[in-house]
């Protein structure tokens, strides 16, 4: 059973709290699901391996956008090493397995983009 109702998921997908471009970012990565048109672009501002600010912009289905919003909410102010191993289980738990199972590729898009952003951060910082 999810902690969210369908109304909550719709609200999360439309919430603008974390949906914005960052002007001063260290890493930005975009990814998408070509088959369904979902796009998520994640911005990270990092200081001393801690995410000082994270945001996203995107378009697509309710599941992909709600999942991105939940992910960004959870990674703000976290150390990179605390979040680099987040995966599908995190999304299933946060979004709810029944919503994840409706559209697994959409639900996991933001996690994939975050993993790419972390890899890019490490490359930039030569870590």
C-alpha atoms as a PDB file:
ATOM      1  CA  UNK A   1       0.000   0.000   0.000  1.00  0.00           C
ATOM      2  CA  UNK A   2       1.351   3.400  -0.964  1.00  0.00           C
ATOM      3  CA  UNK A   3       1.441   6.294   1.412  1.00  0.00           C
ATOM      4  CA  UNK A   4       0.154   8.347  -1.523  1.00  0.00           C
ATOM      5  CA  UNK A   5      -3.235   8.426  -3.199  1.00  0.00           C
ATOM      6  CA  UNK A   6      -3.587   9.081  -6.925  1.00  0.00           C
ATOM      7  CA  UNK A   7      -4.519  12.664  -6.022  1.00  0.00           C
ATOM      8  CA  UNK A   8      -1.256  12.991  -4.061  1.00  0.00           C
ATOM      9  CA  UNK A   9       0.733  11.663  -7.024  1.00  0.00           C
ATOM     10  CA  UNK A  10      -0.918  14.202  -9.330  1.00  0.00           C
ATOM     11  CA  UNK A  11      -0.156  16.967  -6.845  1.00  0.00           C
ATOM     12  CA  UNK A  12       3.484  15.843  -6.592  1.00  0.00           C
ATOM     13  CA  UNK A  13       3.791  15.793 -10.370  1.00  0.00           C
ATOM     14  CA  UNK A  14       2.485  19.356 -10.615  1.00  0.00           C
ATOM     15  CA  UNK A  15       4.270  20.782  -7.580  1.00  0.00           C
ATOM     16  CA  UNK A  16       6.720  23.533  -8.544  1.00  0.00           C
ATOM     17  CA  UNK A  17       8.837  23.552  -5.377  1.00  0.00           C
ATOM     18  CA  UNK A  18      11.802  21.769  -6.975  1.00  0.00           C
ATOM     19  CA  UNK A  19      10.838  22.275 -10.613  1.00  0.00           C
ATOM     20  CA  UNK A  20      13.196  25.018 -11.747  1.00  0.00           C
ATOM     21  CA  UNK A  21      16.482  25.585 -13.488  1.00  0.00           C
ATOM     22  CA  UNK A  22      19.382  26.484 -11.241  1.00  0.00           C
ATOM     23  CA  UNK A  23      21.492  29.401 -12.392  1.00  0.00           C
ATOM     24  CA  UNK A  24      24.565  28.425 -10.429  1.00  0.00           C
ATOM     25  CA  UNK A  25      24.999  24.655 -10.710  1.00  0.00           C
ATOM     26  CA  UNK A  26      27.921  22.254 -10.769  1.00  0.00           C
ATOM     27  CA  UNK A  27      26.257  19.476 -12.738  1.00  0.00           C
ATOM     28  CA  UNK A  28      23.286  19.208 -15.051  1.00  0.00           C
ATOM     29  CA  UNK A  29      22.191  16.014 -16.811  1.00  0.00           C
ATOM     30  CA  UNK A  30      19.133  15.291 -18.918  1.00  0.00           C
ATOM     31  CA  UNK A  31      17.626  11.937 -19.713  1.00  0.00           C
ATOM     32  CA  UNK A  32      14.478  10.625 -21.251  1.00  0.00           C
ATOM     33  CA  UNK A  33      12.346   7.713 -22.274  1.00  0.00           C
ATOM     34  CA  UNK A  34      12.029   8.020 -26.043  1.00  0.00           C
ATOM     35  CA  UNK A  35       9.162   5.538 -26.155  1.00  0.00           C
ATOM     36  CA  UNK A  36       6.826   7.631 -24.051  1.00  0.00           C
ATOM     37  CA  UNK A  37       8.270  11.140 -24.204  1.00  0.00           C
ATOM     38  CA  UNK A  38       9.279  11.584 -20.560  1.00  0.00           C
ATOM     39  CA  UNK A  39      12.176  13.982 -19.977  1.00  0.00           C
ATOM     40  CA  UNK A  40      13.914  14.848 -16.716  1.00  0.00           C
ATOM     41  CA  UNK A  41      16.825  17.266 -16.364  1.00  0.00           C
ATOM     42  CA  UNK A  42      18.493  17.356 -12.945  1.00  0.00           C
ATOM     43  CA  UNK A  43      20.584  20.238 -11.642  1.00  0.00           C
ATOM     44  CA  UNK A  44      22.974  19.814  -8.704  1.00  0.00           C
ATOM     45  CA  UNK A  45      24.873  22.430  -6.737  1.00  0.00           C
ATOM     46  CA  UNK A  46      27.498  20.598  -4.686  1.00  0.00           C
ATOM     47  CA  UNK A  47      29.858  21.830  -1.989  1.00  0.00           C
ATOM     48  CA  UNK A  48      32.280  19.529  -0.188  1.00  0.00           C
ATOM     49  CA  UNK A  49      30.504  16.462  -1.632  1.00  0.00           C
ATOM     50  CA  UNK A  50      27.163  17.632  -0.224  1.00  0.00           C
ATOM     51  CA  UNK A  51      24.222  18.577  -2.386  1.00  0.00           C
ATOM     52  CA  UNK A  52      23.578  22.170  -1.426  1.00  0.00           C
ATOM     53  CA  UNK A  53      20.685  22.500  -3.837  1.00  0.00           C
ATOM     54  CA  UNK A  54      19.014  20.182  -6.318  1.00  0.00           C
ATOM     55  CA  UNK A  55      16.228  20.838  -8.760  1.00  0.00           C
ATOM     56  CA  UNK A  56      14.738  19.433 -11.938  1.00  0.00           C
ATOM     57  CA  UNK A  57      12.787  20.400 -14.969  1.00  0.00           C
ATOM     58  CA  UNK A  58      10.896  17.927 -17.031  1.00  0.00           C
ATOM     59  CA  UNK A  59       7.879  16.879 -18.938  1.00  0.00           C
ATOM     60  CA  UNK A  60       5.981  13.691 -19.381  1.00  0.00           C
ATOM     61  CA  UNK A  61       3.585  11.510 -17.514  1.00  0.00           C
ATOM     62  CA  UNK A  62       2.438  12.026 -13.963  1.00  0.00           C
ATOM     63  CA  UNK A  63       4.476   9.079 -12.669  1.00  0.00           C
ATOM     64  CA  UNK A  64       7.790  10.329 -14.098  1.00  0.00           C
ATOM     65  CA  UNK A  65       7.286  13.858 -12.817  1.00  0.00           C
ATOM     66  CA  UNK A  66       6.065  12.804  -9.352  1.00  0.00           C
ATOM     67  CA  UNK A  67       9.011  10.439  -9.057  1.00  0.00           C
ATOM     68  CA  UNK A  68      11.456  13.220  -9.998  1.00  0.00           C
ATOM     69  CA  UNK A  69       9.895  15.554  -7.446  1.00  0.00           C
ATOM     70  CA  UNK A  70      10.129  12.956  -4.662  1.00  0.00           C
ATOM     71  CA  UNK A  71      13.726  12.179  -5.545  1.00  0.00           C
ATOM     72  CA  UNK A  72      14.824  15.819  -5.539  1.00  0.00           C
ATOM     73  CA  UNK A  73      13.076  16.385  -2.229  1.00  0.00           C
ATOM     74  CA  UNK A  74      15.021  13.493  -0.685  1.00  0.00           C
ATOM     75  CA  UNK A  75      18.472  14.348  -2.031  1.00  0.00           C
ATOM     76  CA  UNK A  76      18.612  18.034  -1.069  1.00  0.00           C
ATOM     77  CA  UNK A  77      21.217  18.605   1.681  1.00  0.00           C
ATOM     78  CA  UNK A  78      22.489  15.022   1.504  1.00  0.00           C
ATOM     79  CA  UNK A  79      26.082  13.911   1.021  1.00  0.00           C
ATOM     80  CA  UNK A  80      26.792  12.363  -2.373  1.00  0.00           C
ATOM     81  CA  UNK A  81      27.839   9.091  -0.733  1.00  0.00           C
ATOM     82  CA  UNK A  82      24.444   8.922   1.022  1.00  0.00           C
ATOM     83  CA  UNK A  83      22.529   8.997  -2.247  1.00  0.00           C
ATOM     84  CA  UNK A  84      24.769   7.415  -4.861  1.00  0.00           C
ATOM     85  CA  UNK A  85      23.360   3.952  -4.217  1.00  0.00           C
ATOM     86  CA  UNK A  86      19.701   4.927  -4.379  1.00  0.00           C
ATOM     87  CA  UNK A  87      17.860   2.716  -6.807  1.00  0.00           C
ATOM     88  CA  UNK A  88      14.590   1.177  -7.805  1.00  0.00           C
ATOM     89  CA  UNK A  89      13.793   0.033  -4.266  1.00  0.00           C
ATOM     90  CA  UNK A  90      13.927   3.651  -3.107  1.00  0.00           C
ATOM     91  CA  UNK A  91      11.422   4.692  -5.779  1.00  0.00           C
ATOM     92  CA  UNK A  92       9.153   1.716  -5.062  1.00  0.00           C
ATOM     93  CA  UNK A  93       9.142   2.624  -1.392  1.00  0.00           C
ATOM     94  CA  UNK A  94       8.681   6.366  -1.852  1.00  0.00           C
ATOM     95  CA  UNK A  95       6.294   6.396  -4.798  1.00  0.00           C
ATOM     96  CA  UNK A  96       4.539   3.196  -3.864  1.00  0.00           C
ATOM     97  CA  UNK A  97       4.930  -0.138  -5.581  1.00  0.00           C
ATOM     98  CA  UNK A  98       1.519   0.000  -7.269  1.00  0.00           C
ATOM     99  CA  UNK A  99       2.413   3.324  -8.947  1.00  0.00           C
ATOM    100  CA  UNK A 100       5.884   2.049  -9.818  1.00  0.00           C
ATOM    101  CA  UNK A 101       4.417  -1.065 -11.437  1.00  0.00           C
ATOM    102  CA  UNK A 102       2.061   1.024 -13.589  1.00  0.00           C
ATOM    103  CA  UNK A 103       5.044   2.591 -15.386  1.00  0.00           C
ATOM    104  CA  UNK A 104       8.392   1.245 -14.164  1.00  0.00           C
ATOM    105  CA  UNK A 105      10.466   2.976 -16.860  1.00  0.00           C
ATOM    106  CA  UNK A 106       8.803   6.301 -16.117  1.00  0.00           C
ATOM    107  CA  UNK A 107       9.110   5.890 -12.359  1.00  0.00           C
ATOM    108  CA  UNK A 108      12.819   5.065 -12.550  1.00  0.00           C
ATOM    109  CA  UNK A 109      13.824   7.794 -15.021  1.00  0.00           C
ATOM    110  CA  UNK A 110      14.838  10.350 -12.379  1.00  0.00           C
ATOM    111  CA  UNK A 111      16.996   7.785 -10.552  1.00  0.00           C
ATOM    112  CA  UNK A 112      18.811   7.021 -13.823  1.00  0.00           C
ATOM    113  CA  UNK A 113      19.397  10.708 -14.479  1.00  0.00           C
ATOM    114  CA  UNK A 114      20.615  11.238 -10.903  1.00  0.00           C
ATOM    115  CA  UNK A 115      23.112   8.371 -11.264  1.00  0.00           C
ATOM    116  CA  UNK A 116      24.413   9.945 -14.485  1.00  0.00           C
ATOM    117  CA  UNK A 117      24.692  13.325 -12.714  1.00  0.00           C
ATOM    118  CA  UNK A 118      26.700  11.792  -9.866  1.00  0.00           C
ATOM    119  CA  UNK A 119      29.051  10.086 -12.340  1.00  0.00           C
ATOM    120  CA  UNK A 120      29.484  13.397 -14.152  1.00  0.00           C
ATOM    121  CA  UNK A 121      30.189  15.161 -10.856  1.00  0.00           C
ATOM    122  CA  UNK A 122      32.914  12.624 -10.025  1.00  0.00           C
ATOM    123  CA  UNK A 123      34.446  13.057 -13.503  1.00  0.00           C
ATOM    124  CA  UNK A 124      34.457  16.835 -13.168  1.00  0.00           C
ATOM    125  CA  UNK A 125      35.982  16.694  -9.691  1.00  0.00           C
ATOM    126  CA  UNK A 126      38.387  13.883 -10.668  1.00  0.00           C
ATOM    127  CA  UNK A 127      37.247  11.814  -7.726  1.00  0.00           C
END
